[in-house]
Amino acid sequence: MNDTWTKRLLLVAAAWNITGGVTSLADPARHFAQMYTVAPAVAGDPLLAYFYQCTWINVLAWGAAYALAAFWPRSRAVVLAAGGAGKAVYFLACAALVASGVGRPLVLAFGLGDLLMAALFGWAWASHARRERLPGQTGKERTWLPT
């Protein structure tokens, strides 16, 4: 994958995360109704609300990281590696939730979206790592791996 497509991928991932975070924080009741077969055990529980909000704030922060990496090529390797790993594990969590009967199919659909992005992140990371090993490059082009 070339740098232009990597930038586009990171911008799509940023929009994906930011949209998910904003909509989930804006209307938690709708989020629970669409995504899960059960409601929270204790409505209005401040601890549950805290963890719910922290989860989606983290999703927003990763969206910001993807956007920054789109415009800051030297950061891409670590963002693609960590973000890809997180998205792959998120898919596993979604699949387990659906298998338990608590998650609706929409949870798996979003998990599959993240799994696709994880695969694309891996492809982008590997493409750039391969380019780093090409002979004849000067140090200036080496922006993907730590020096």
C-alpha atoms as a PDB file:
ATOM      1  CA  MET A   1       0.000   0.000   0.000  1.00  0.00           C
ATOM      2  CA  ASN A   2       1.458   3.383  -0.907  1.00  0.00           C
ATOM      3  CA  ASP A   3       1.607   6.471   1.315  1.00  0.00           C
ATOM      4  CA  THR A   4      -1.432   8.098  -0.294  1.00  0.00           C
ATOM      5  CA  TRP A   5      -3.639   5.067   0.396  1.00  0.00           C
ATOM      6  CA  THR A   6      -2.219   4.725   3.904  1.00  0.00           C
ATOM      7  CA  LYS A   7      -3.171   8.330   4.599  1.00  0.00           C
ATOM      8  CA  ARG A   8      -6.680   7.699   3.263  1.00  0.00           C
ATOM      9  CA  LEU A   9      -7.001   4.546   5.369  1.00  0.00           C
ATOM     10  CA  LEU A  10      -5.991   6.443   8.499  1.00  0.00           C
ATOM     11  CA  LEU A  11      -8.490   9.224   7.730  1.00  0.00           C
ATOM     12  CA  VAL A  12     -11.283   6.655   7.235  1.00  0.00           C
ATOM     13  CA  ALA A  13     -10.314   4.976  10.524  1.00  0.00           C
ATOM     14  CA  ALA A  14     -10.325   8.382  12.242  1.00  0.00           C
ATOM     15  CA  ALA A  15     -13.819   9.144  10.920  1.00  0.00           C
ATOM     16  CA  TRP A  16     -15.007   5.627  11.908  1.00  0.00           C
ATOM     17  CA  ASN A  17     -13.769   6.012  15.490  1.00  0.00           C
ATOM     18  CA  ILE A  18     -14.873   9.614  15.949  1.00  0.00           C
ATOM     19  CA  THR A  19     -18.350   8.926  14.556  1.00  0.00           C
ATOM     20  CA  GLY A  20     -18.753   5.866  16.782  1.00  0.00           C
ATOM     21  CA  GLY A  21     -17.489   7.702  19.847  1.00  0.00           C
ATOM     22  CA  VAL A  22     -19.591  10.819  19.374  1.00  0.00           C
ATOM     23  CA  THR A  23     -22.828   8.972  18.613  1.00  0.00           C
ATOM     24  CA  SER A  24     -22.346   6.543  21.510  1.00  0.00           C
ATOM     25  CA  LEU A  25     -21.600   9.323  23.991  1.00  0.00           C
ATOM     26  CA  ALA A  26     -24.415  11.511  22.694  1.00  0.00           C
ATOM     27  CA  ASP A  27     -27.150   8.895  23.137  1.00  0.00           C
ATOM     28  CA  PRO A  28     -26.192   5.944  25.368  1.00  0.00           C
ATOM     29  CA  ALA A  29     -29.787   4.694  25.587  1.00  0.00           C
ATOM     30  CA  ARG A  30     -30.019   4.370  21.816  1.00  0.00           C
ATOM     31  CA  HIS A  31     -26.594   2.708  21.720  1.00  0.00           C
ATOM     32  CA  PHE A  32     -27.682   0.051  24.231  1.00  0.00           C
ATOM     33  CA  ALA A  33     -31.016  -0.508  22.449  1.00  0.00           C
ATOM     34  CA  GLN A  34     -29.361  -0.998  19.038  1.00  0.00           C
ATOM     35  CA  MET A  35     -26.353  -3.028  20.110  1.00  0.00           C
ATOM     36  CA  TYR A  36     -27.365  -5.284  23.008  1.00  0.00           C
ATOM     37  CA  THR A  37     -30.211  -7.626  23.940  1.00  0.00           C
ATOM     38  CA  VAL A  38     -30.197  -6.490  27.575  1.00  0.00           C
ATOM     39  CA  ALA A  39     -30.115  -3.109  29.261  1.00  0.00           C
ATOM     40  CA  PRO A  40     -27.583  -2.235  31.966  1.00  0.00           C
ATOM     41  CA  ALA A  41     -28.413  -4.008  35.231  1.00  0.00           C
ATOM     42  CA  VAL A  42     -28.717  -0.793  37.232  1.00  0.00           C
ATOM     43  CA  ALA A  43     -29.994   2.217  35.344  1.00  0.00           C
ATOM     44  CA  GLY A  44     -28.152   5.373  36.285  1.00  0.00           C
ATOM     45  CA  ASP A  45     -25.245   3.509  37.927  1.00  0.00           C
ATOM     46  CA  PRO A  46     -22.413   6.090  38.095  1.00  0.00           C
ATOM     47  CA  LEU A  47     -19.683   3.444  37.904  1.00  0.00           C
ATOM     48  CA  LEU A  48     -21.192   1.885  34.754  1.00  0.00           C
ATOM     49  CA  ALA A  49     -21.596   5.370  33.264  1.00  0.00           C
ATOM     50  CA  TYR A  50     -17.953   6.150  34.083  1.00  0.00           C
ATOM     51  CA  PHE A  51     -16.626   3.029  32.345  1.00  0.00           C
ATOM     52  CA  TYR A  52     -18.960   3.530  29.372  1.00  0.00           C
ATOM     53  CA  GLN A  53     -17.786   7.121  28.959  1.00  0.00           C
ATOM     54  CA  CYS A  54     -14.106   6.191  29.397  1.00  0.00           C
ATOM     55  CA  THR A  55     -14.429   3.493  26.741  1.00  0.00           C
ATOM     56  CA  TRP A  56     -15.850   5.902  24.187  1.00  0.00           C
ATOM     57  CA  ILE A  57     -13.427   8.671  25.135  1.00  0.00           C
ATOM     58  CA  ASN A  58     -10.650   6.168  24.400  1.00  0.00           C
ATOM     59  CA  VAL A  59     -12.230   5.414  21.013  1.00  0.00           C
ATOM     60  CA  LEU A  60     -12.266   9.164  20.295  1.00  0.00           C
ATOM     61  CA  ALA A  61      -8.616   9.469  21.329  1.00  0.00           C
ATOM     62  CA  TRP A  62      -7.651   6.679  18.923  1.00  0.00           C
ATOM     63  CA  GLY A  63      -9.608   8.481  16.212  1.00  0.00           C
ATOM     64  CA  ALA A  64      -7.502  11.569  16.882  1.00  0.00           C
ATOM     65  CA  ALA A  65      -4.336   9.428  16.770  1.00  0.00           C
ATOM     66  CA  TYR A  66      -5.333   8.037  13.361  1.00  0.00           C
ATOM     67  CA  ALA A  67      -5.992  11.555  12.056  1.00  0.00           C
ATOM     68  CA  LEU A  68      -2.649  12.800  13.373  1.00  0.00           C
ATOM     69  CA  ALA A  69      -0.813   9.821  11.870  1.00  0.00           C
ATOM     70  CA  ALA A  70      -2.437  10.535   8.504  1.00  0.00           C
ATOM     71  CA  PHE A  71      -0.640  13.886   8.446  1.00  0.00           C
ATOM     72  CA  TRP A  72       2.466  12.899  10.440  1.00  0.00           C
ATOM     73  CA  PRO A  73       4.119  10.033   8.541  1.00  0.00           C
ATOM     74  CA  ARG A  74       6.842   9.414  11.132  1.00  0.00           C
ATOM     75  CA  SER A  75       4.178   8.261  13.597  1.00  0.00           C
ATOM     76  CA  ARG A  76       2.437   5.829  11.282  1.00  0.00           C
ATOM     77  CA  ALA A  77       4.322   2.625  12.078  1.00  0.00           C
ATOM     78  CA  VAL A  78       3.467   2.604  15.767  1.00  0.00           C
ATOM     79  CA  VAL A  79      -0.102   3.847  15.244  1.00  0.00           C
ATOM     80  CA  LEU A  80      -0.765   1.210  12.577  1.00  0.00           C
ATOM     81  CA  ALA A  81       0.738  -1.565  14.725  1.00  0.00           C
ATOM     82  CA  ALA A  82      -1.015  -0.651  17.979  1.00  0.00           C
ATOM     83  CA  GLY A  83      -4.260   0.371  16.299  1.00  0.00           C
ATOM     84  CA  GLY A  84      -4.360  -2.768  14.180  1.00  0.00           C
ATOM     85  CA  ALA A  85      -3.787  -4.992  17.208  1.00  0.00           C
ATOM     86  CA  GLY A  86      -6.506  -3.168  19.142  1.00  0.00           C
ATOM     87  CA  LYS A  87      -8.981  -3.438  16.286  1.00  0.00           C
ATOM     88  CA  ALA A  88      -8.311  -7.180  15.898  1.00  0.00           C
ATOM     89  CA  VAL A  89      -8.858  -7.798  19.614  1.00  0.00           C
ATOM     90  CA  TYR A  90     -11.986  -5.609  19.537  1.00  0.00           C
ATOM     91  CA  PHE A  91     -13.387  -7.935  16.864  1.00  0.00           C
ATOM     92  CA  LEU A  92     -12.782 -10.926  19.145  1.00  0.00           C
ATOM     93  CA  ALA A  93     -14.590  -9.143  21.985  1.00  0.00           C
ATOM     94  CA  CYS A  94     -17.528  -8.377  19.673  1.00  0.00           C
ATOM     95  CA  ALA A  95     -17.706 -11.978  18.461  1.00  0.00           C
ATOM     96  CA  ALA A  96     -17.672 -13.254  22.053  1.00  0.00           C
ATOM     97  CA  LEU A  97     -20.439 -10.835  23.042  1.00  0.00           C
ATOM     98  CA  VAL A  98     -22.638 -11.911  20.137  1.00  0.00           C
ATOM     99  CA  ALA A  99     -21.912 -15.586  20.872  1.00  0.00           C
ATOM    100  CA  SER A 100     -23.033 -15.007  24.462  1.00  0.00           C
ATOM    101  CA  GLY A 101     -26.414 -13.785  23.246  1.00  0.00           C
ATOM    102  CA  VAL A 102     -25.956 -10.301  24.723  1.00  0.00           C
ATOM    103  CA  GLY A 103     -24.663  -8.615  21.573  1.00  0.00           C
ATOM    104  CA  ARG A 104     -26.948  -8.062  18.617  1.00  0.00           C
ATOM    105  CA  PRO A 105     -25.726  -8.787  15.062  1.00  0.00           C
ATOM    106  CA  LEU A 106     -24.926  -5.069  14.650  1.00  0.00           C
ATOM    107  CA  VAL A 107     -22.149  -5.520  17.239  1.00  0.00           C
ATOM    108  CA  LEU A 108     -20.583  -8.173  15.010  1.00  0.00           C
ATOM    109  CA  ALA A 109     -20.987  -5.947  11.939  1.00  0.00           C
ATOM    110  CA  PHE A 110     -18.980  -3.183  13.621  1.00  0.00           C
ATOM    111  CA  GLY A 111     -16.472  -5.742  14.845  1.00  0.00           C
ATOM    112  CA  LEU A 112     -16.040  -6.992  11.276  1.00  0.00           C
ATOM    113  CA  GLY A 113     -15.445  -3.397  10.169  1.00  0.00           C
ATOM    114  CA  ASP A 114     -12.656  -3.136  12.724  1.00  0.00           C
ATOM    115  CA  LEU A 115     -11.239  -6.513  11.664  1.00  0.00           C
ATOM    116  CA  LEU A 116     -11.107  -5.314   8.055  1.00  0.00           C
ATOM    117  CA  MET A 117      -9.302  -2.159   9.184  1.00  0.00           C
ATOM    118  CA  ALA A 118      -6.885  -4.258  11.254  1.00  0.00           C
ATOM    119  CA  ALA A 119      -6.015  -6.278   8.147  1.00  0.00           C
ATOM    120  CA  LEU A 120      -5.554  -3.103   6.104  1.00  0.00           C
ATOM    121  CA  PHE A 121      -3.422  -1.592   8.876  1.00  0.00           C
ATOM    122  CA  GLY A 122      -1.228  -4.707   8.760  1.00  0.00           C
ATOM    123  CA  TRP A 123      -0.904  -4.433   4.991  1.00  0.00           C
ATOM    124  CA  ALA A 124       0.000  -0.728   5.223  1.00  0.00           C
ATOM    125  CA  TRP A 125       2.544  -1.386   7.968  1.00  0.00           C
ATOM    126  CA  ALA A 126       4.159  -4.271   6.057  1.00  0.00           C
ATOM    127  CA  SER A 127       4.267  -2.270   2.815  1.00  0.00           C
ATOM    128  CA  HIS A 128       6.084   0.602   4.437  1.00  0.00           C
ATOM    129  CA  ALA A 129       8.417  -1.668   6.381  1.00  0.00           C
ATOM    130  CA  ARG A 130       9.372  -3.371   3.097  1.00  0.00           C
ATOM    131  CA  ARG A 131      10.079  -0.008   1.476  1.00  0.00           C
ATOM    132  CA  GLU A 132      12.375   0.842   4.380  1.00  0.00           C
ATOM    133  CA  ARG A 133      14.563  -2.124   3.491  1.00  0.00           C
ATOM    134  CA  LEU A 134      14.955  -1.177  -0.183  1.00  0.00           C
ATOM    135  CA  PRO A 135      18.589  -0.537  -1.133  1.00  0.00           C
ATOM    136  CA  GLY A 136      19.674   2.870  -2.355  1.00  0.00           C
ATOM    137  CA  GLN A 137      17.483   4.961  -0.081  1.00  0.00           C
ATOM    138  CA  THR A 138      18.946   7.767   1.915  1.00  0.00           C
ATOM    139  CA  GLY A 139      18.195   8.216   5.595  1.00  0.00           C
ATOM    140  CA  LYS A 140      15.667  10.950   4.790  1.00  0.00           C
ATOM    141  CA  GLU A 141      13.146   8.479   3.329  1.00  0.00           C
ATOM    142  CA  ARG A 142      13.363   6.276   6.418  1.00  0.00           C
ATOM    143  CA  THR A 143      10.307   7.637   8.208  1.00  0.00           C
ATOM    144  CA  TRP A 144       8.566   4.415   9.237  1.00  0.00           C
ATOM    145  CA  LEU A 145      10.879   2.620  11.595  1.00  0.00           C
ATOM    146  CA  PRO A 146      12.727   3.996  14.616  1.00  0.00           C
ATOM    147  CA  THR A 147      16.316   4.958  13.993  1.00  0.00           C
END
